[in-house]
N, C-alpha and C. Protein backbone atom coordinates (compact mmCIF):
# COMPACT_ATOMS: atom_id res chain seq x y z
N MET A 1 46.60 28.53 16.72
CA MET A 1 45.63 27.41 16.69
C MET A 1 44.42 27.78 15.80
N ALA A 2 44.01 26.79 14.99
CA ALA A 2 42.83 27.03 14.10
C ALA A 2 41.52 27.03 14.92
N LEU A 3 40.61 27.80 14.50
CA LEU A 3 39.31 27.93 15.18
C LEU A 3 38.53 26.61 15.04
N TYR A 4 38.68 25.94 13.89
CA TYR A 4 37.92 24.72 13.61
C TYR A 4 38.94 23.59 13.27
N SER A 5 38.61 22.39 13.78
CA SER A 5 39.42 21.21 13.53
C SER A 5 39.37 20.78 12.07
N ASP A 6 40.29 19.99 11.60
CA ASP A 6 40.23 19.40 10.27
C ASP A 6 38.95 18.62 10.06
N LYS A 7 38.51 17.90 11.03
CA LYS A 7 37.31 17.12 10.93
C LYS A 7 36.04 18.00 10.74
N VAL A 8 36.00 19.12 11.47
CA VAL A 8 34.87 20.03 11.34
C VAL A 8 34.88 20.56 9.87
N MET A 9 36.03 20.97 9.42
CA MET A 9 36.15 21.54 8.05
C MET A 9 35.79 20.47 7.00
N ASP A 10 36.19 19.22 7.22
CA ASP A 10 35.94 18.13 6.25
C ASP A 10 34.43 17.86 6.18
N HIS A 11 33.75 17.80 7.38
CA HIS A 11 32.33 17.53 7.37
C HIS A 11 31.53 18.72 6.88
N PHE A 12 32.05 19.95 7.03
CA PHE A 12 31.40 21.15 6.48
C PHE A 12 31.52 21.16 4.97
N ARG A 13 32.71 20.88 4.47
CA ARG A 13 33.01 20.97 3.03
C ARG A 13 32.46 19.75 2.26
N ASN A 14 32.45 18.58 2.95
CA ASN A 14 32.00 17.34 2.33
C ASN A 14 31.01 16.61 3.26
N PRO A 15 29.87 17.22 3.47
CA PRO A 15 28.92 16.61 4.44
C PRO A 15 28.44 15.28 3.94
N ARG A 16 28.33 14.35 4.85
CA ARG A 16 27.79 13.03 4.61
C ARG A 16 26.28 12.97 4.85
N ASN A 17 25.60 12.16 4.04
CA ASN A 17 24.17 11.86 4.33
C ASN A 17 23.26 13.09 4.14
N VAL A 18 23.58 13.96 3.17
CA VAL A 18 22.74 15.14 2.97
C VAL A 18 21.52 14.73 2.11
N GLY A 19 20.36 15.33 2.43
CA GLY A 19 19.19 15.13 1.66
C GLY A 19 18.01 14.70 2.49
N ALA A 20 17.00 14.21 1.82
CA ALA A 20 15.76 13.72 2.47
C ALA A 20 15.56 12.29 2.05
N ILE A 21 14.77 11.59 2.92
CA ILE A 21 14.30 10.21 2.59
C ILE A 21 12.83 10.32 2.41
N GLU A 22 12.42 10.10 1.17
CA GLU A 22 10.98 10.33 0.81
C GLU A 22 10.03 9.44 1.64
N ASP A 23 10.38 8.17 1.86
CA ASP A 23 9.57 7.27 2.61
C ASP A 23 10.07 7.03 3.98
N ALA A 24 10.56 8.08 4.63
CA ALA A 24 11.18 7.99 5.97
C ALA A 24 10.22 7.39 6.98
N ASP A 25 10.80 6.59 7.89
CA ASP A 25 10.02 6.04 8.99
C ASP A 25 9.87 7.01 10.13
N ALA A 26 10.80 8.03 10.11
CA ALA A 26 10.76 9.06 11.16
C ALA A 26 11.40 10.33 10.65
N ILE A 27 10.88 11.43 11.15
CA ILE A 27 11.46 12.78 10.77
C ILE A 27 11.44 13.59 12.08
N GLY A 28 12.61 14.23 12.28
CA GLY A 28 12.70 15.14 13.46
C GLY A 28 13.26 16.44 12.97
N GLU A 29 12.68 17.54 13.49
CA GLU A 29 13.11 18.84 13.13
C GLU A 29 13.22 19.68 14.34
N VAL A 30 14.31 20.37 14.54
CA VAL A 30 14.54 21.31 15.64
C VAL A 30 15.19 22.59 15.15
N GLY A 31 15.11 23.64 15.93
CA GLY A 31 15.73 24.85 15.59
C GLY A 31 14.74 25.97 15.49
N ASN A 32 15.25 27.11 15.00
CA ASN A 32 14.46 28.29 14.97
C ASN A 32 15.05 29.21 13.97
N ALA A 33 14.26 29.66 13.03
CA ALA A 33 14.78 30.56 11.97
C ALA A 33 15.33 31.85 12.54
N LYS A 34 14.83 32.24 13.75
CA LYS A 34 15.29 33.45 14.35
C LYS A 34 16.79 33.39 14.73
N CYS A 35 17.21 32.23 15.22
CA CYS A 35 18.62 32.08 15.57
C CYS A 35 19.45 31.59 14.40
N GLY A 36 18.82 31.13 13.35
CA GLY A 36 19.56 30.79 12.14
C GLY A 36 19.97 29.38 11.93
N ASP A 37 19.62 28.49 12.91
CA ASP A 37 19.97 27.11 12.72
C ASP A 37 18.66 26.23 12.78
N ILE A 38 18.49 25.45 11.72
CA ILE A 38 17.38 24.51 11.62
C ILE A 38 17.92 23.19 11.12
N MET A 39 17.64 22.13 11.85
CA MET A 39 18.04 20.83 11.41
C MET A 39 16.83 19.88 11.30
N LYS A 40 16.89 19.10 10.18
CA LYS A 40 15.83 18.12 9.95
C LYS A 40 16.56 16.80 9.69
N ILE A 41 16.17 15.78 10.42
CA ILE A 41 16.77 14.42 10.35
C ILE A 41 15.67 13.44 9.86
N TYR A 42 16.05 12.62 8.86
CA TYR A 42 15.19 11.60 8.34
C TYR A 42 15.79 10.25 8.69
N LEU A 43 14.96 9.29 9.15
CA LEU A 43 15.43 7.98 9.52
C LEU A 43 14.66 6.87 8.69
N LYS A 44 15.38 5.87 8.23
CA LYS A 44 14.81 4.66 7.66
C LYS A 44 15.21 3.58 8.65
N ILE A 45 14.25 2.85 9.19
CA ILE A 45 14.49 1.90 10.26
C ILE A 45 13.92 0.55 9.85
N GLU A 46 14.78 -0.49 10.06
CA GLU A 46 14.36 -1.88 9.83
C GLU A 46 14.80 -2.70 11.01
N ASN A 47 13.90 -3.44 11.63
CA ASN A 47 14.24 -4.26 12.78
C ASN A 47 15.00 -3.51 13.86
N ASP A 48 14.53 -2.34 14.18
CA ASP A 48 15.14 -1.45 15.23
C ASP A 48 16.60 -1.01 14.91
N ILE A 49 16.95 -1.07 13.66
CA ILE A 49 18.28 -0.59 13.20
C ILE A 49 18.09 0.57 12.25
N ILE A 50 18.91 1.61 12.38
CA ILE A 50 18.83 2.76 11.46
C ILE A 50 19.60 2.37 10.22
N VAL A 51 18.90 1.99 9.16
CA VAL A 51 19.56 1.53 7.97
C VAL A 51 19.95 2.67 7.05
N ASP A 52 19.20 3.81 7.19
CA ASP A 52 19.60 5.01 6.41
C ASP A 52 19.25 6.24 7.26
N VAL A 53 20.03 7.26 7.06
CA VAL A 53 19.74 8.56 7.71
C VAL A 53 20.21 9.63 6.81
N LYS A 54 19.43 10.70 6.79
CA LYS A 54 19.74 11.85 5.93
C LYS A 54 19.41 13.08 6.74
N PHE A 55 20.03 14.22 6.34
CA PHE A 55 19.75 15.47 7.01
C PHE A 55 19.66 16.64 6.08
N GLU A 56 18.92 17.62 6.50
CA GLU A 56 18.85 18.95 5.82
C GLU A 56 19.06 19.95 6.94
N THR A 57 20.11 20.78 6.78
CA THR A 57 20.41 21.76 7.78
C THR A 57 20.57 23.15 7.19
N PHE A 58 19.89 24.10 7.80
CA PHE A 58 20.05 25.47 7.42
C PHE A 58 20.75 26.11 8.57
N GLY A 59 22.05 26.48 8.37
CA GLY A 59 22.76 26.99 9.46
C GLY A 59 24.24 27.25 9.11
N CYS A 60 25.03 27.47 10.11
CA CYS A 60 26.44 27.73 9.90
C CYS A 60 27.22 26.44 9.67
N GLY A 61 28.54 26.61 9.39
CA GLY A 61 29.41 25.47 9.11
C GLY A 61 29.43 24.47 10.24
N SER A 62 29.41 24.96 11.48
CA SER A 62 29.41 24.04 12.65
C SER A 62 28.10 23.24 12.72
N ALA A 63 27.01 23.86 12.36
CA ALA A 63 25.72 23.14 12.36
C ALA A 63 25.72 22.06 11.28
N ILE A 64 26.24 22.35 10.10
CA ILE A 64 26.31 21.36 9.03
C ILE A 64 27.25 20.20 9.44
N ALA A 65 28.42 20.58 9.96
CA ALA A 65 29.41 19.59 10.39
C ALA A 65 28.82 18.69 11.49
N SER A 66 28.12 19.25 12.46
CA SER A 66 27.50 18.51 13.53
C SER A 66 26.45 17.60 13.00
N SER A 67 25.65 18.02 12.06
CA SER A 67 24.59 17.16 11.47
C SER A 67 25.22 16.02 10.77
N SER A 68 26.22 16.31 9.97
CA SER A 68 26.91 15.30 9.20
C SER A 68 27.53 14.22 10.12
N MET A 69 28.25 14.64 11.13
CA MET A 69 28.87 13.75 12.07
C MET A 69 27.84 12.90 12.84
N ALA A 70 26.84 13.56 13.27
CA ALA A 70 25.79 12.86 14.04
C ALA A 70 25.13 11.72 13.18
N THR A 71 24.93 11.99 11.94
CA THR A 71 24.32 10.96 11.07
C THR A 71 25.30 9.80 10.86
N GLU A 72 26.58 10.09 10.76
CA GLU A 72 27.55 9.05 10.69
C GLU A 72 27.62 8.19 11.93
N LEU A 73 27.45 8.81 13.06
CA LEU A 73 27.54 8.11 14.35
C LEU A 73 26.36 7.19 14.61
N ILE A 74 25.21 7.43 13.97
CA ILE A 74 24.02 6.60 14.24
C ILE A 74 23.69 5.66 13.05
N LYS A 75 24.24 5.85 11.89
CA LYS A 75 23.89 5.02 10.74
C LYS A 75 24.33 3.55 11.02
N GLY A 76 23.44 2.66 10.81
CA GLY A 76 23.75 1.24 11.01
C GLY A 76 23.59 0.79 12.48
N LYS A 77 23.23 1.69 13.35
CA LYS A 77 23.18 1.45 14.78
C LYS A 77 21.77 1.12 15.21
N PRO A 78 21.63 0.38 16.30
CA PRO A 78 20.28 0.14 16.88
C PRO A 78 19.74 1.42 17.44
N LEU A 79 18.37 1.48 17.52
CA LEU A 79 17.76 2.71 18.05
C LEU A 79 18.20 3.03 19.46
N SER A 80 18.44 2.02 20.24
CA SER A 80 18.95 2.27 21.64
C SER A 80 20.25 3.03 21.63
N GLU A 81 21.14 2.77 20.71
CA GLU A 81 22.40 3.49 20.65
C GLU A 81 22.17 4.90 20.14
N ALA A 82 21.36 5.06 19.21
CA ALA A 82 21.05 6.43 18.66
C ALA A 82 20.42 7.28 19.76
N LEU A 83 19.56 6.68 20.56
CA LEU A 83 18.89 7.39 21.67
C LEU A 83 19.89 7.88 22.71
N ASN A 84 21.00 7.21 22.82
CA ASN A 84 22.03 7.60 23.80
C ASN A 84 23.11 8.47 23.25
N LEU A 85 22.97 8.84 21.98
CA LEU A 85 24.03 9.79 21.39
C LEU A 85 23.89 11.15 22.10
N THR A 86 25.03 11.67 22.50
CA THR A 86 25.09 12.93 23.19
C THR A 86 25.75 14.02 22.30
N ASN A 87 25.50 15.25 22.62
CA ASN A 87 26.21 16.32 21.93
C ASN A 87 27.67 16.24 22.20
N LYS A 88 28.03 15.78 23.40
CA LYS A 88 29.47 15.61 23.75
C LYS A 88 30.13 14.62 22.82
N ALA A 89 29.48 13.51 22.46
CA ALA A 89 30.01 12.53 21.57
C ALA A 89 30.17 13.12 20.16
N VAL A 90 29.25 13.93 19.75
CA VAL A 90 29.33 14.59 18.41
C VAL A 90 30.53 15.53 18.39
N THR A 91 30.64 16.36 19.49
CA THR A 91 31.76 17.30 19.55
C THR A 91 33.06 16.60 19.59
N GLU A 92 33.15 15.53 20.37
CA GLU A 92 34.46 14.81 20.42
C GLU A 92 34.79 14.16 19.09
N ALA A 93 33.77 13.64 18.40
CA ALA A 93 34.07 12.99 17.10
C ALA A 93 34.53 14.02 16.04
N LEU A 94 34.18 15.30 16.28
CA LEU A 94 34.63 16.36 15.39
C LEU A 94 35.96 16.95 15.88
N ASP A 95 36.51 16.37 16.90
CA ASP A 95 37.73 16.90 17.53
C ASP A 95 37.56 18.32 18.09
N GLY A 96 36.35 18.54 18.57
CA GLY A 96 36.06 19.82 19.26
C GLY A 96 35.34 20.84 18.36
N LEU A 97 34.69 21.71 19.09
CA LEU A 97 33.98 22.89 18.51
C LEU A 97 34.33 24.05 19.38
N PRO A 98 34.40 25.27 18.81
CA PRO A 98 34.55 26.43 19.71
C PRO A 98 33.36 26.53 20.68
N ALA A 99 33.64 27.08 21.84
CA ALA A 99 32.59 27.11 22.93
C ALA A 99 31.31 27.76 22.43
N HIS A 100 31.39 28.79 21.62
CA HIS A 100 30.19 29.53 21.13
C HIS A 100 29.45 28.70 20.04
N LYS A 101 29.99 27.54 19.66
CA LYS A 101 29.33 26.69 18.63
C LYS A 101 28.89 25.35 19.20
N ILE A 102 29.06 25.08 20.47
CA ILE A 102 28.65 23.88 21.08
C ILE A 102 27.13 23.62 20.87
N HIS A 103 26.40 24.69 20.84
CA HIS A 103 24.94 24.54 20.66
C HIS A 103 24.60 23.84 19.36
N CYS A 104 25.46 23.83 18.37
CA CYS A 104 25.26 23.09 17.11
C CYS A 104 25.20 21.60 17.37
N SER A 105 26.12 21.13 18.21
CA SER A 105 26.15 19.69 18.52
C SER A 105 24.89 19.31 19.36
N VAL A 106 24.49 20.25 20.21
CA VAL A 106 23.25 20.03 21.01
C VAL A 106 22.06 19.92 20.04
N LEU A 107 21.99 20.77 19.08
CA LEU A 107 20.93 20.78 18.07
C LEU A 107 20.91 19.41 17.35
N ALA A 108 22.08 18.87 17.00
CA ALA A 108 22.15 17.57 16.28
C ALA A 108 21.62 16.48 17.20
N GLU A 109 21.99 16.47 18.44
CA GLU A 109 21.44 15.46 19.39
C GLU A 109 19.93 15.62 19.50
N GLN A 110 19.43 16.82 19.64
CA GLN A 110 18.01 17.05 19.72
C GLN A 110 17.21 16.67 18.50
N ALA A 111 17.84 16.89 17.32
CA ALA A 111 17.16 16.52 16.06
C ALA A 111 16.96 15.02 15.96
N ILE A 112 18.02 14.29 16.41
CA ILE A 112 17.95 12.81 16.43
C ILE A 112 16.88 12.36 17.39
N LYS A 113 16.86 12.92 18.60
CA LYS A 113 15.83 12.54 19.54
C LYS A 113 14.44 12.93 19.10
N SER A 114 14.29 13.99 18.40
CA SER A 114 13.03 14.38 17.82
C SER A 114 12.55 13.34 16.79
N ALA A 115 13.45 12.89 15.97
CA ALA A 115 13.15 11.85 15.02
C ALA A 115 12.75 10.51 15.65
N LEU A 116 13.49 10.19 16.68
CA LEU A 116 13.17 8.92 17.44
C LEU A 116 11.78 9.05 18.11
N LYS A 117 11.54 10.24 18.65
CA LYS A 117 10.21 10.47 19.26
C LYS A 117 9.11 10.30 18.24
N ASP A 118 9.34 10.83 17.05
CA ASP A 118 8.38 10.69 15.93
C ASP A 118 8.19 9.20 15.58
N TYR A 119 9.26 8.47 15.51
CA TYR A 119 9.18 7.00 15.22
C TYR A 119 8.32 6.30 16.30
N TYR A 120 8.66 6.55 17.56
CA TYR A 120 8.00 5.84 18.61
C TYR A 120 6.51 6.25 18.66
N THR A 121 6.22 7.49 18.45
CA THR A 121 4.86 7.98 18.44
C THR A 121 4.05 7.39 17.24
N ARG A 122 4.64 7.38 16.05
CA ARG A 122 3.94 6.83 14.90
C ARG A 122 3.57 5.37 15.09
N ASN A 123 4.40 4.66 15.82
CA ASN A 123 4.29 3.20 15.97
C ASN A 123 3.72 2.81 17.33
N ASN A 124 3.26 3.74 18.04
CA ASN A 124 2.62 3.50 19.40
C ASN A 124 3.60 2.71 20.29
N ILE A 125 4.83 3.11 20.31
CA ILE A 125 5.87 2.43 21.12
C ILE A 125 6.15 3.34 22.30
N GLU A 126 6.08 2.77 23.50
CA GLU A 126 6.43 3.51 24.72
C GLU A 126 7.92 3.86 24.69
N TYR A 127 8.26 5.06 25.23
CA TYR A 127 9.64 5.47 25.26
C TYR A 127 9.90 6.18 26.60
N ASP A 128 11.16 6.30 26.97
CA ASP A 128 11.60 6.96 28.15
C ASP A 128 11.54 8.45 27.98
N HIS A 129 10.60 9.11 28.64
CA HIS A 129 10.44 10.52 28.49
C HIS A 129 11.61 11.33 29.15
N ASP A 130 12.38 10.66 29.97
CA ASP A 130 13.57 11.32 30.48
C ASP A 130 14.65 11.40 29.41
N LEU A 131 14.71 10.40 28.55
CA LEU A 131 15.69 10.40 27.44
C LEU A 131 15.25 11.24 26.27
N ILE A 132 13.90 11.32 26.06
CA ILE A 132 13.35 12.09 24.98
C ILE A 132 12.28 13.00 25.61
N PRO A 133 12.68 14.20 25.99
CA PRO A 133 11.73 15.09 26.62
C PRO A 133 10.57 15.39 25.65
N ASP A 134 9.41 15.73 26.23
CA ASP A 134 8.28 16.05 25.38
C ASP A 134 8.46 17.26 24.52
N ASP A 135 9.20 18.24 25.03
CA ASP A 135 9.47 19.43 24.23
C ASP A 135 10.96 19.47 23.84
N VAL A 136 11.27 18.77 22.74
CA VAL A 136 12.66 18.76 22.21
C VAL A 136 12.82 20.01 21.38
N GLU A 137 13.65 20.96 21.78
CA GLU A 137 13.82 22.15 21.07
C GLU A 137 15.23 22.75 21.38
N CYS A 138 15.60 23.67 20.59
CA CYS A 138 16.94 24.30 20.77
C CYS A 138 16.88 25.40 21.80
N ALA A 139 17.47 25.13 22.97
CA ALA A 139 17.44 26.09 24.05
C ALA A 139 18.21 27.38 23.68
N HIS A 140 19.28 27.19 22.85
CA HIS A 140 20.09 28.32 22.39
C HIS A 140 19.23 29.34 21.60
N CYS A 141 18.28 28.79 20.88
CA CYS A 141 17.41 29.66 20.02
C CYS A 141 16.50 30.56 20.85
N HIS A 142 16.37 30.24 22.10
CA HIS A 142 15.45 31.00 22.98
C HIS A 142 16.24 31.93 23.91
N ASP A 143 17.53 31.96 23.77
CA ASP A 143 18.37 32.88 24.68
C ASP A 143 18.16 34.33 24.33
């Protein structure tokens, strides 16, 4: 059995939505250079819909694939759907990740939540602190 699914390899070799959005409505960054994974998510939002999303990830193939898939899962979606994206959904969409790489999908979820928090904060919009914790960060990086 292969360590990585065909979908993981495809999103690693041909990542979708790579880059930055210069006039982004929201930016979220999570990770830690010490652990080697850093994700930055840029959102362009119109009428509560994510009309564009880009990412920059410094990390392993699983981190890149998770970032790519996560952006695909939220592009064109309402903010409420993006807010409910879970690392499990990212992992499932990639047809699985090895157990020691699940933290990459968690990082993707956290990067999106960090960007949404940035959007809500910039626009003085109340948000559910249970869905977006005040300290969105990579727990794996602190192990």
